[in-house]
C-alpha atoms as a PDB file:
ATOM      1  CA  MET A   1       8.492 -16.596  12.853  1.00  0.00           C
ATOM      2  CA  PRO A   2       5.565 -14.261  12.063  1.00  0.00           C
ATOM      3  CA  ALA A   3       3.618 -14.739   8.848  1.00  0.00           C
ATOM      4  CA  LEU A   4       0.593 -13.339   7.044  1.00  0.00           C
ATOM      5  CA  VAL A   5      -2.299 -15.763   7.273  1.00  0.00           C
ATOM      6  CA  ARG A   6      -5.960 -15.753   6.437  1.00  0.00           C
ATOM      7  CA  PRO A   7      -8.116 -14.835   9.438  1.00  0.00           C
ATOM      8  CA  THR A   8      -8.611 -17.885  11.623  1.00  0.00           C
ATOM      9  CA  GLU A   9     -10.410 -18.799  14.819  1.00  0.00           C
ATOM     10  CA  THR A  10      -7.222 -20.372  16.214  1.00  0.00           C
ATOM     11  CA  VAL A  11      -5.853 -16.980  17.353  1.00  0.00           C
ATOM     12  CA  ARG A  12      -9.108 -15.775  18.928  1.00  0.00           C
ATOM     13  CA  ASP A  13      -7.818 -15.261  22.490  1.00  0.00           C
ATOM     14  CA  SER A  14      -4.777 -13.314  21.331  1.00  0.00           C
ATOM     15  CA  PHE A  15      -6.879 -11.348  18.831  1.00  0.00           C
ATOM     16  CA  LEU A  16      -9.276 -10.312  21.587  1.00  0.00           C
ATOM     17  CA  ALA A  17      -6.387  -9.241  23.815  1.00  0.00           C
ATOM     18  CA  GLY A  18      -4.967  -7.210  20.912  1.00  0.00           C
ATOM     19  CA  VAL A  19      -8.306  -5.545  20.270  1.00  0.00           C
ATOM     20  CA  GLU A  20      -8.437  -4.498  23.922  1.00  0.00           C
ATOM     21  CA  GLU A  21      -5.051  -2.825  23.444  1.00  0.00           C
ATOM     22  CA  PHE A  22      -6.445  -0.902  20.465  1.00  0.00           C
ATOM     23  CA  ARG A  23      -9.546   0.047  22.425  1.00  0.00           C
ATOM     24  CA  ALA A  24      -7.332   1.383  25.240  1.00  0.00           C
ATOM     25  CA  GLU A  25      -5.821   3.713  22.627  1.00  0.00           C
ATOM     26  CA  GLY A  26      -9.293   4.951  21.730  1.00  0.00           C
ATOM     27  CA  ARG A  27      -9.840   2.850  18.629  1.00  0.00           C
ATOM     28  CA  GLY A  28     -13.362   1.759  17.845  1.00  0.00           C
ATOM     29  CA  GLY A  29     -14.977   5.030  18.863  1.00  0.00           C
ATOM     30  CA  ALA A  30     -17.678   6.757  16.853  1.00  0.00           C
ATOM     31  CA  GLY A  31     -15.131   8.799  14.879  1.00  0.00           C
ATOM     32  CA  ASP A  32     -12.887   5.839  13.965  1.00  0.00           C
ATOM     33  CA  ASN A  33     -13.789   5.052  10.362  1.00  0.00           C
ATOM     34  CA  SER A  34     -10.906   2.623   9.855  1.00  0.00           C
ATOM     35  CA  MET A  35     -11.672  -0.999   9.050  1.00  0.00           C
ATOM     36  CA  LEU A  36     -10.478  -2.055  12.492  1.00  0.00           C
ATOM     37  CA  GLY A  37     -12.507   0.720  14.113  1.00  0.00           C
ATOM     38  CA  ARG A  38     -15.672  -0.349  12.319  1.00  0.00           C
ATOM     39  CA  ASP A  39     -15.054  -3.988  13.241  1.00  0.00           C
ATOM     40  CA  ILE A  40     -14.620  -3.057  16.894  1.00  0.00           C
ATOM     41  CA  LEU A  41     -17.833  -1.015  16.890  1.00  0.00           C
ATOM     42  CA  ARG A  42     -19.820  -3.788  15.266  1.00  0.00           C
ATOM     43  CA  TRP A  43     -18.361  -6.956  16.750  1.00  0.00           C
ATOM     44  CA  ALA A  44     -16.499  -6.245  20.009  1.00  0.00           C
ATOM     45  CA  PRO A  45     -19.479  -6.534  22.335  1.00  0.00           C
ATOM     46  CA  ARG A  46     -20.054 -10.100  21.076  1.00  0.00           C
ATOM     47  CA  TRP A  47     -16.595 -11.384  20.034  1.00  0.00           C
ATOM     48  CA  GLN A  48     -16.246 -13.283  23.321  1.00  0.00           C
ATOM     49  CA  GLU A  49     -18.796 -15.794  22.024  1.00  0.00           C
ATOM     50  CA  ALA A  50     -17.048 -18.439  19.918  1.00  0.00           C
ATOM     51  CA  ALA A  51     -19.900 -18.625  17.385  1.00  0.00           C
ATOM     52  CA  VAL A  52     -19.881 -14.850  16.916  1.00  0.00           C
ATOM     53  CA  PHE A  53     -16.127 -14.802  16.432  1.00  0.00           C
ATOM     54  CA  ALA A  54     -16.459 -17.615  13.872  1.00  0.00           C
ATOM     55  CA  ALA A  55     -19.068 -15.542  12.024  1.00  0.00           C
ATOM     56  CA  TYR A  56     -16.723 -12.543  12.099  1.00  0.00           C
ATOM     57  CA  VAL A  57     -13.882 -14.602  10.607  1.00  0.00           C
ATOM     58  CA  GLU A  58     -16.217 -15.965   7.907  1.00  0.00           C
ATOM     59  CA  GLU A  59     -17.489 -12.491   7.009  1.00  0.00           C
ATOM     60  CA  THR A  60     -13.958 -11.085   6.960  1.00  0.00           C
ATOM     61  CA  LEU A  61     -12.828 -13.801   4.556  1.00  0.00           C
ATOM     62  CA  ALA A  62     -15.904 -13.288   2.359  1.00  0.00           C
ATOM     63  CA  ASP A  63     -15.111  -9.591   1.949  1.00  0.00           C
ATOM     64  CA  ALA A  64     -12.551 -10.572  -0.703  1.00  0.00           C
ATOM     65  CA  HIS A  65     -15.344 -11.714  -3.015  1.00  0.00           C
ATOM     66  CA  GLU A  66     -16.805  -9.251  -5.481  1.00  0.00           C
ATOM     67  CA  ASP A  67     -20.389 -10.295  -4.742  1.00  0.00           C
ATOM     68  CA  SER A  68     -20.156  -9.996  -0.952  1.00  0.00           C
ATOM     69  CA  GLY A  69     -22.359  -7.396   0.667  1.00  0.00           C
ATOM     70  CA  ARG A  70     -20.551  -4.251   1.748  1.00  0.00           C
ATOM     71  CA  PRO A  71     -21.411  -0.616   2.345  1.00  0.00           C
ATOM     72  CA  ALA A  72     -21.820   1.627  -0.691  1.00  0.00           C
ATOM     73  CA  GLY A  73     -18.481   2.905  -1.961  1.00  0.00           C
ATOM     74  CA  PHE A  74     -16.472   0.047  -0.441  1.00  0.00           C
ATOM     75  CA  VAL A  75     -14.505  -2.380  -2.612  1.00  0.00           C
ATOM     76  CA  PRO A  76     -13.551  -6.024  -2.134  1.00  0.00           C
ATOM     77  CA  SER A  77     -10.701  -6.391   0.306  1.00  0.00           C
ATOM     78  CA  THR A  78      -8.421  -9.276   1.228  1.00  0.00           C
ATOM     79  CA  VAL A  79      -7.760  -9.195   4.966  1.00  0.00           C
ATOM     80  CA  LEU A  80      -4.726 -10.983   6.339  1.00  0.00           C
ATOM     81  CA  TRP A  81      -3.531 -11.367   9.913  1.00  0.00           C
ATOM     82  CA  TRP A  82       0.081 -11.147  11.055  1.00  0.00           C
ATOM     83  CA  VAL A  83       0.586 -13.992  13.507  1.00  0.00           C
ATOM     84  CA  ASP A  84       3.387 -15.808  15.255  1.00  0.00           C
ATOM     85  CA  GLY A  85       2.075 -19.244  16.179  1.00  0.00           C
ATOM     86  CA  THR A  86      -1.143 -18.443  18.038  1.00  0.00           C
ATOM     87  CA  GLU A  87      -0.098 -14.864  18.816  1.00  0.00           C
ATOM     88  CA  TRP A  88      -2.045 -12.251  16.815  1.00  0.00           C
ATOM     89  CA  LEU A  89       0.266  -9.321  16.092  1.00  0.00           C
ATOM     90  CA  GLY A  90      -1.743  -7.257  13.641  1.00  0.00           C
ATOM     91  CA  ARG A  91      -3.869  -7.056  10.547  1.00  0.00           C
ATOM     92  CA  LEU A  92      -3.527  -5.887   6.993  1.00  0.00           C
ATOM     93  CA  SER A  93      -6.084  -5.235   4.291  1.00  0.00           C
ATOM     94  CA  ILE A  94      -5.433  -5.190   0.557  1.00  0.00           C
ATOM     95  CA  ARG A  95      -8.199  -3.368  -1.286  1.00  0.00           C
ATOM     96  CA  HIS A  96      -8.676  -4.787  -4.758  1.00  0.00           C
ATOM     97  CA  ARG A  97      -9.049  -1.458  -6.554  1.00  0.00           C
ATOM     98  CA  LEU A  98      -9.019   2.262  -6.012  1.00  0.00           C
ATOM     99  CA  THR A  99     -12.061   4.490  -5.845  1.00  0.00           C
ATOM    100  CA  PRO A 100     -11.753   8.284  -6.046  1.00  0.00           C
ATOM    101  CA  ARG A 101     -11.912   8.442  -2.231  1.00  0.00           C
ATOM    102  CA  LEU A 102      -9.275   5.739  -1.758  1.00  0.00           C
ATOM    103  CA  LEU A 103      -7.037   7.493  -4.290  1.00  0.00           C
ATOM    104  CA  GLU A 104      -7.128  10.626  -2.153  1.00  0.00           C
ATOM    105  CA  TRP A 105      -7.426   9.295   1.367  1.00  0.00           C
ATOM    106  CA  GLY A 106      -7.203   5.561   1.967  1.00  0.00           C
ATOM    107  CA  GLY A 107      -4.941   3.828  -0.529  1.00  0.00           C
ATOM    108  CA  LEU A 108      -4.886   0.150  -1.403  1.00  0.00           C
ATOM    109  CA  ILE A 109      -3.258  -1.271   1.729  1.00  0.00           C
ATOM    110  CA  GLY A 110      -4.083  -0.478   5.319  1.00  0.00           C
ATOM    111  CA  TYR A 111      -2.504  -2.084   8.347  1.00  0.00           C
ATOM    112  CA  ASP A 112      -2.598  -2.071  12.130  1.00  0.00           C
ATOM    113  CA  VAL A 113       0.133  -3.381  14.422  1.00  0.00           C
ATOM    114  CA  ARG A 114      -0.930  -4.418  17.899  1.00  0.00           C
ATOM    115  CA  PRO A 115       0.217  -1.705  20.347  1.00  0.00           C
ATOM    116  CA  SER A 116       2.234  -4.035  22.606  1.00  0.00           C
ATOM    117  CA  VAL A 117       4.417  -5.243  19.704  1.00  0.00           C
ATOM    118  CA  ARG A 118       5.072  -1.972  17.895  1.00  0.00           C
ATOM    119  CA  ARG A 119       8.571  -0.708  17.109  1.00  0.00           C
ATOM    120  CA  ARG A 120       9.857  -4.243  16.494  1.00  0.00           C
ATOM    121  CA  GLY A 121       9.710  -4.268  12.684  1.00  0.00           C
ATOM    122  CA  HIS A 122       6.351  -6.010  12.394  1.00  0.00           C
ATOM    123  CA  GLY A 123       4.739  -3.268  10.308  1.00  0.00           C
ATOM    124  CA  THR A 124       7.503  -3.276   7.710  1.00  0.00           C
ATOM    125  CA  ALA A 125       7.706  -7.083   7.594  1.00  0.00           C
ATOM    126  CA  MET A 126       3.933  -7.392   7.293  1.00  0.00           C
ATOM    127  CA  LEU A 127       3.782  -4.819   4.505  1.00  0.00           C
ATOM    128  CA  ARG A 128       6.642  -6.442   2.588  1.00  0.00           C
ATOM    129  CA  ALA A 129       4.978  -9.857   2.936  1.00  0.00           C
ATOM    130  CA  ALA A 130       1.761  -8.403   1.511  1.00  0.00           C
ATOM    131  CA  LEU A 131       3.312  -7.135  -1.713  1.00  0.00           C
ATOM    132  CA  PRO A 132       3.358 -10.540  -3.497  1.00  0.00           C
ATOM    133  CA  ARG A 133      -0.259 -11.043  -2.405  1.00  0.00           C
ATOM    134  CA  ALA A 134      -1.174  -7.675  -3.933  1.00  0.00           C
ATOM    135  CA  ARG A 135       0.688  -8.668  -7.106  1.00  0.00           C
ATOM    136  CA  ALA A 136      -1.334 -11.900  -7.246  1.00  0.00           C
ATOM    137  CA  LEU A 137      -4.487  -9.760  -7.145  1.00  0.00           C
ATOM    138  CA  GLY A 138      -3.298  -8.003 -10.307  1.00  0.00           C
ATOM    139  CA  LEU A 139      -1.919  -4.870  -8.640  1.00  0.00           C
ATOM    140  CA  ASP A 140       1.404  -3.799 -10.185  1.00  0.00           C
ATOM    141  CA  GLU A 141       1.828  -1.086  -7.579  1.00  0.00           C
ATOM    142  CA  VAL A 142      -0.039  -0.127  -4.451  1.00  0.00           C
ATOM    143  CA  LEU A 143      -0.900   3.229  -2.965  1.00  0.00           C
ATOM    144  CA  LEU A 144      -0.472   3.699   0.766  1.00  0.00           C
ATOM    145  CA  THR A 145      -1.400   6.790   2.688  1.00  0.00           C
ATOM    146  CA  CYS A 146      -0.668   7.919   6.206  1.00  0.00           C
ATOM    147  CA  ASP A 147      -1.305  11.008   8.273  1.00  0.00           C
ATOM    148  CA  PHE A 148       1.465  13.553   7.764  1.00  0.00           C
ATOM    149  CA  ASP A 149       2.304  13.453  11.476  1.00  0.00           C
ATOM    150  CA  ASN A 150       2.380   9.636  11.776  1.00  0.00           C
ATOM    151  CA  VAL A 151       6.151   9.192  11.768  1.00  0.00           C
ATOM    152  CA  GLY A 152       5.966   5.472  12.575  1.00  0.00           C
ATOM    153  CA  SER A 153       3.713   4.659   9.636  1.00  0.00           C
ATOM    154  CA  ARG A 154       5.762   6.834   7.317  1.00  0.00           C
ATOM    155  CA  LYS A 155       8.915   4.912   8.308  1.00  0.00           C
ATOM    156  CA  VAL A 156       7.166   1.567   7.736  1.00  0.00           C
ATOM    157  CA  ILE A 157       6.015   2.589   4.259  1.00  0.00           C
ATOM    158  CA  GLU A 158       9.415   3.971   3.275  1.00  0.00           C
ATOM    159  CA  ALA A 159      11.266   0.909   4.626  1.00  0.00           C
ATOM    160  CA  ALA A 160       8.984  -1.312   2.520  1.00  0.00           C
ATOM    161  CA  GLY A 161       9.937   0.599  -0.634  1.00  0.00           C
ATOM    162  CA  GLY A 162       7.368   3.385  -0.606  1.00  0.00           C
ATOM    163  CA  VAL A 163       8.103   6.244  -2.974  1.00  0.00           C
ATOM    164  CA  PHE A 164       6.629   9.540  -1.825  1.00  0.00           C
ATOM    165  CA  GLU A 165       4.292  11.137  -4.364  1.00  0.00           C
ATOM    166  CA  ASP A 166       2.669  14.062  -2.565  1.00  0.00           C
ATOM    167  CA  ARG A 167       0.725  15.399   0.371  1.00  0.00           C
ATOM    168  CA  ARG A 168      -3.004  15.943   0.035  1.00  0.00           C
ATOM    169  CA  ALA A 169      -4.546  17.682   3.026  1.00  0.00           C
ATOM    170  CA  GLU A 170      -3.404  15.688   6.084  1.00  0.00           C
ATOM    171  CA  LYS A 171      -2.396  12.594   4.062  1.00  0.00           C
ATOM    172  CA  LEU A 172       0.991  11.656   2.646  1.00  0.00           C
ATOM    173  CA  ARG A 173       0.746   9.414  -0.426  1.00  0.00           C
ATOM    174  CA  TYR A 174       3.270   6.719  -1.360  1.00  0.00           C
ATOM    175  CA  TRP A 175       3.446   4.143  -4.159  1.00  0.00           C
ATOM    176  CA  ILE A 176       5.154   0.757  -3.793  1.00  0.00           C
ATOM    177  CA  PRO A 177       5.765  -1.577  -6.752  1.00  0.00           C
ATOM    178  CA  THR A 178       4.634  -5.157  -6.110  1.00  0.00           C
ATOM    179  CA  GLY A 179       7.103  -6.861  -8.488  1.00  0.00           C
ATOM    180  CA  ALA A 180       9.828  -9.359  -7.654  1.00  0.00           C
ATOM    181  CA  HIS A 181      12.184  -6.741  -6.190  1.00  0.00           C
ATOM    182  CA  ALA A 182       9.506  -4.702  -4.429  1.00  0.00           C
ATOM    183  CA  GLY A 183       9.656  -3.817  -0.785  1.00  0.00           C
ATOM    184  CA  GLY A 184      13.367  -3.325  -0.314  1.00  0.00           C
ATOM    185  CA  ALA A 185      15.910  -5.809   1.015  1.00  0.00           C
END
């Protein structure tokens, strides 16, 4: 049964295969400013090396700490991986606080489901599983955004309890409470 786990070297082979699926979709290009896109740009040429992948996992885990180095304007973020045994199915990031830019564009939770396992409920399950983690970080509710034309992401957010607030430019904005009954049944 899939579960959210801290990034780990034990799923490296499956992670690398999943990243190749994302790259085949065009992720990781110069215009991809998502967390996954930036990771692909920075690490993909060297991820095949076990020591480099271990360093990536360590750096990803450290990003949750306030004093970790990060680009200007970025906030601490807890990254979790959605895995089933040793099969990497996706990733999710819980940002610890909003900035003005995240309030408008990025939200507090971002997620990516591996292309070969989409449309099987993983996005919704992963998002629901993240809500107690967000609550433990002191977040009573979380903002999620998606492109207005991303029907799949919109359905995931709504199925996890997202309440539509508004549309700002190309982004739809939803709030989800993180309490005991959050995320729907």
